[in-house]
Amino acid sequence: MISHSHIPINPETIINLYRNGIFPMGDHNDHDQIFWCNPIIRAVIPISKLHISRSLKKLCFKKTFEFSINHDFAKIISNCANREETWINKSIVRIYNNLHDLGYAHSIEVWEKKKIIGGLYGVAIGNVFFAESMYSKSPNGSKIALIALMGILASHKFSLLDIQFMTDHLKTMGAKEISRALFLSLVKKSNASKTKFGSLSSGIIDKSLINIAEAKSLVAGIREFKH
């Protein structure tokens, strides 16, 4: 369900809407209007069940990719919006920069040879991470950012990674679709605990991080999804 609304845009309102499965999007990058999305079917990636292809693993082992957290949030959201067609308009940029300043919105930057080659941003509430957008400046940049994100979420005992809508790209990486009712149930349970989104001891995409991101043995609480 997608609906336009005149609900006041302030951080408290947005956080409460997230807790009820609702998130904002922009109509078009040339307009500042915001609408609210409440999908009947929600796409998620179970914690520590990221599918990482052999070719991507081989690339990560061959090259040295590093990642950072909240190094340059404004740059990441700007790069996510830098495409011909985007829902990330000026209002969305203002909203999430504000949420970042308040400690809710976070970015991940992927580095190769001291240059950012991709990244993503999203919102952490309780122990749920609501992913919003990602981008690549070189092949696999966004996929590597997703590996870093999953490693962080698993290490800090998050219980749910929301990716909103299914895409072919995300399906290959382990995304599943669940009902709105199940999604809301998981969000409400997850928000009972306060988990901090933070750094790891290493900022390198290595074998240890990849094992954490895809290890089935680390999954807790949402082993199977049923509509």
Protein backbone atom coordinates (compact mmCIF):
# COMPACT_ATOMS: atom_id res chain seq x y z
CA MET A 1 0.00 0.00 0.00
CA ILE A 2 1.32 3.42 -0.96
CA SER A 3 -0.39 6.59 0.23
CA HIS A 4 0.26 10.31 0.23
CA SER A 5 0.05 11.97 3.61
CA HIS A 6 0.28 15.33 5.31
CA ILE A 7 1.69 13.86 8.50
CA PRO A 8 4.26 16.32 9.90
CA ILE A 9 7.78 15.27 8.95
CA ASN A 10 9.75 15.14 12.18
CA PRO A 11 12.12 12.51 13.57
CA GLU A 12 9.73 11.19 16.21
CA THR A 13 6.96 10.69 13.64
CA ILE A 14 9.28 8.90 11.22
CA ILE A 15 10.70 6.55 13.87
CA ASN A 16 7.19 5.65 15.04
CA LEU A 17 6.14 4.96 11.46
CA TYR A 18 9.16 2.71 10.95
CA ARG A 19 8.14 0.74 14.03
CA ASN A 20 4.81 0.17 12.29
CA GLY A 21 6.33 -0.95 9.00
CA ILE A 22 5.87 2.37 7.20
CA PHE A 23 8.65 4.31 5.50
CA PRO A 24 8.88 7.50 3.38
CA MET A 25 9.80 7.83 -0.27
CA GLY A 26 9.96 10.74 -2.65
CA ASP A 27 7.72 11.08 -5.70
CA HIS A 28 10.57 12.11 -7.99
CA ASN A 29 13.98 13.68 -7.63
CA ASP A 30 12.64 16.90 -9.17
CA HIS A 31 9.86 17.24 -6.57
CA ASP A 32 9.99 17.53 -2.78
CA GLN A 33 6.74 15.68 -2.07
CA ILE A 34 6.88 12.66 0.26
CA PHE A 35 4.59 9.66 0.36
CA TRP A 36 4.40 6.75 2.80
CA CYS A 37 4.83 3.08 1.90
CA ASN A 38 3.33 0.15 3.79
CA PRO A 39 3.90 -2.91 1.54
CA ILE A 40 1.61 -5.92 1.83
CA ILE A 41 4.60 -8.14 1.07
CA ARG A 42 7.95 -7.27 2.62
CA ALA A 43 11.42 -8.32 1.46
CA VAL A 44 13.99 -9.22 4.11
CA ILE A 45 17.35 -10.99 4.30
CA PRO A 46 17.61 -13.31 7.32
CA ILE A 47 20.56 -12.48 9.54
CA SER A 48 23.67 -14.50 8.63
CA LYS A 49 21.94 -16.01 5.59
CA LEU A 50 23.46 -13.78 2.96
CA HIS A 51 24.20 -15.66 -0.25
CA ILE A 52 27.69 -14.75 -1.45
CA SER A 53 28.67 -16.17 -4.84
CA ARG A 54 31.93 -18.01 -5.33
CA SER A 55 33.11 -15.37 -7.77
CA LEU A 56 32.44 -12.58 -5.26
CA LYS A 57 34.25 -14.47 -2.50
CA LYS A 58 37.18 -15.03 -4.83
CA LEU A 59 37.28 -11.31 -5.62
CA CYS A 60 37.21 -10.40 -1.90
CA PHE A 61 40.06 -12.82 -1.17
CA LYS A 62 42.08 -11.58 -4.14
CA LYS A 63 41.76 -7.87 -3.44
CA THR A 64 41.79 -5.84 -0.23
CA PHE A 65 38.43 -4.17 0.34
CA GLU A 66 37.93 -2.12 3.47
CA PHE A 67 34.77 -0.66 4.94
CA SER A 68 33.90 2.14 7.32
CA ILE A 69 30.79 3.10 9.25
CA ASN A 70 29.38 6.64 9.17
CA HIS A 71 32.55 8.04 7.64
CA ASP A 72 30.61 10.31 5.26
CA PHE A 73 26.85 9.77 5.50
CA ALA A 74 26.03 12.85 3.41
CA LYS A 75 28.24 11.61 0.56
CA ILE A 76 26.70 8.14 0.59
CA ILE A 77 23.09 9.34 0.38
CA SER A 78 24.11 11.86 -2.29
CA ASN A 79 25.71 9.10 -4.36
CA CYS A 80 22.66 6.87 -3.90
CA ALA A 81 20.54 9.72 -5.30
CA ASN A 82 22.89 10.42 -8.19
CA ARG A 83 21.04 8.56 -10.97
CA GLU A 84 18.64 9.52 -13.73
CA GLU A 85 15.51 8.21 -11.96
CA THR A 86 15.41 8.18 -8.17
CA TRP A 87 12.95 8.44 -5.30
CA ILE A 88 15.63 10.16 -3.18
CA ASN A 89 14.62 13.79 -3.50
CA LYS A 90 15.73 16.82 -1.47
CA SER A 91 13.16 16.12 1.26
CA ILE A 92 14.40 12.55 1.67
CA VAL A 93 18.02 13.75 1.86
CA ARG A 94 17.09 16.26 4.59
CA ILE A 95 15.12 13.66 6.54
CA TYR A 96 17.88 11.07 6.62
CA ASN A 97 20.69 13.52 7.28
CA ASN A 98 18.65 14.63 10.29
CA LEU A 99 18.12 11.02 11.40
CA HIS A 100 21.87 10.47 11.02
CA ASP A 101 22.63 13.46 13.25
CA LEU A 102 20.29 11.93 15.86
CA GLY A 103 22.04 8.54 15.69
CA TYR A 104 19.34 6.56 13.85
CA ALA A 105 20.55 6.57 10.23
CA HIS A 106 23.89 5.00 9.35
CA SER A 107 26.09 4.59 6.31
CA ILE A 108 28.62 2.01 5.20
CA GLU A 109 31.40 2.97 2.84
CA VAL A 110 33.44 0.43 0.87
CA TRP A 111 37.02 1.35 0.04
CA GLU A 112 39.56 0.09 -2.47
CA LYS A 113 42.98 1.76 -2.61
CA LYS A 114 41.74 4.64 -0.44
CA LYS A 115 38.80 5.40 -2.73
CA ILE A 116 35.11 4.83 -1.96
CA ILE A 117 33.74 2.38 -4.55
CA GLY A 118 30.27 1.83 -3.10
CA GLY A 119 28.07 2.06 -0.06
CA LEU A 120 24.64 1.96 1.48
CA TYR A 121 22.57 3.65 4.16
CA GLY A 122 19.63 2.76 6.37
CA VAL A 123 18.02 3.17 9.76
CA ALA A 124 18.66 1.14 12.92
CA ILE A 125 15.84 0.92 15.47
CA GLY A 126 16.08 -1.59 18.29
CA ASN A 127 17.77 -4.58 16.68
CA VAL A 128 16.22 -4.10 13.23
CA PHE A 129 18.09 -2.47 10.37
CA PHE A 130 15.89 -0.89 7.70
CA ALA A 131 18.07 -0.67 4.58
CA GLU A 132 17.16 2.21 2.28
CA SER A 133 19.48 2.40 -0.72
CA MET A 134 22.92 1.39 -2.02
CA TYR A 135 25.15 2.20 -4.97
CA SER A 136 28.33 1.13 -6.75
CA LYS A 137 31.03 3.15 -8.44
CA SER A 138 32.83 -0.01 -9.53
CA PRO A 139 31.63 -3.60 -10.08
CA ASN A 140 30.31 -5.29 -6.90
CA GLY A 141 30.66 -2.19 -4.71
CA SER A 142 27.11 -2.44 -3.37
CA LYS A 143 27.36 -6.21 -2.89
CA ILE A 144 30.49 -5.78 -0.82
CA ALA A 145 28.73 -3.10 1.25
CA LEU A 146 25.94 -5.61 1.91
CA ILE A 147 28.52 -8.17 3.12
CA ALA A 148 29.90 -5.58 5.54
CA LEU A 149 26.40 -4.70 6.73
CA MET A 150 25.45 -8.32 7.37
CA GLY A 151 28.70 -8.91 9.25
CA ILE A 152 27.95 -5.92 11.47
CA LEU A 153 24.34 -6.96 12.09
CA ALA A 154 25.26 -10.55 12.94
CA SER A 155 28.11 -9.50 15.22
CA HIS A 156 25.87 -7.10 17.14
CA LYS A 157 23.01 -9.61 17.39
CA PHE A 158 20.50 -7.82 15.19
CA SER A 159 17.50 -9.98 14.40
CA LEU A 160 16.15 -8.55 11.14
CA LEU A 161 17.39 -6.87 7.96
CA ASP A 162 14.58 -5.17 6.05
CA ILE A 163 15.18 -4.41 2.38
CA GLN A 164 11.58 -3.31 1.65
CA PHE A 165 11.05 -4.58 -1.91
CA MET A 166 12.33 -7.67 -3.70
CA THR A 167 14.64 -7.29 -6.71
CA ASP A 168 16.33 -9.95 -8.85
CA HIS A 169 19.69 -8.69 -7.60
CA LEU A 170 18.76 -9.05 -3.92
CA LYS A 171 17.01 -12.38 -4.46
CA THR A 172 20.30 -13.88 -5.61
CA MET A 173 21.82 -12.71 -2.33
CA GLY A 174 19.29 -14.49 -0.13
CA ALA A 175 16.33 -12.11 0.10
CA LYS A 176 12.96 -13.61 1.09
CA GLU A 177 9.42 -12.25 0.95
CA ILE A 178 7.18 -12.39 4.00
CA SER A 179 3.73 -11.07 4.83
CA ARG A 180 3.14 -7.67 6.38
CA ALA A 181 1.69 -9.35 9.47
CA LEU A 182 4.78 -11.49 10.04
CA PHE A 183 7.08 -8.55 9.35
CA LEU A 184 5.30 -6.36 11.92
CA SER A 185 5.38 -9.17 14.45
CA LEU A 186 9.16 -9.53 14.02
CA VAL A 187 9.69 -5.77 14.24
CA LYS A 188 7.66 -5.47 17.45
CA LYS A 189 9.57 -8.33 19.07
CA SER A 190 12.90 -6.94 17.93
CA ASN A 191 12.27 -3.45 19.27
CA ALA A 192 11.87 -4.84 22.77
CA SER A 193 15.67 -4.94 22.96
CA LYS A 194 18.10 -2.11 22.32
CA THR A 195 21.00 -3.13 20.11
CA LYS A 196 23.69 -0.65 19.17
CA PHE A 197 24.78 -0.37 15.55
CA GLY A 198 28.55 -0.10 15.81
CA SER A 199 31.97 -0.89 14.50
CA LEU A 200 33.84 -4.19 14.36
CA SER A 201 37.39 -4.97 15.42
CA SER A 202 38.41 -5.19 11.76
CA GLY A 203 37.35 -2.99 8.87
CA ILE A 204 38.44 -5.46 6.21
CA ILE A 205 36.26 -7.69 4.04
CA ASP A 206 38.00 -10.97 4.82
CA LYS A 207 37.15 -14.65 5.26
CA SER A 208 36.12 -14.15 8.88
CA LEU A 209 33.59 -11.44 7.99
CA ILE A 210 32.22 -13.47 5.09
CA ASN A 211 31.75 -16.49 7.37
CA ILE A 212 29.79 -14.34 9.81
CA ALA A 213 27.65 -12.89 7.02
CA GLU A 214 26.56 -16.27 5.65
CA ALA A 215 26.95 -18.74 8.53
CA LYS A 216 23.67 -20.56 9.12
CA SER A 217 24.73 -21.50 12.63
CA LEU A 218 24.49 -17.88 13.76
CA VAL A 219 20.82 -17.43 12.87
CA ALA A 220 18.60 -16.99 15.89
CA GLY A 221 14.92 -16.30 16.25
CA ILE A 222 13.86 -16.16 12.59
CA ARG A 223 15.13 -19.43 11.15
CA GLU A 224 12.19 -19.85 8.78
CA PHE A 225 9.70 -17.45 7.26
CA LYS A 226 6.07 -18.30 6.66
CA HIS A 227 3.58 -15.99 5.01
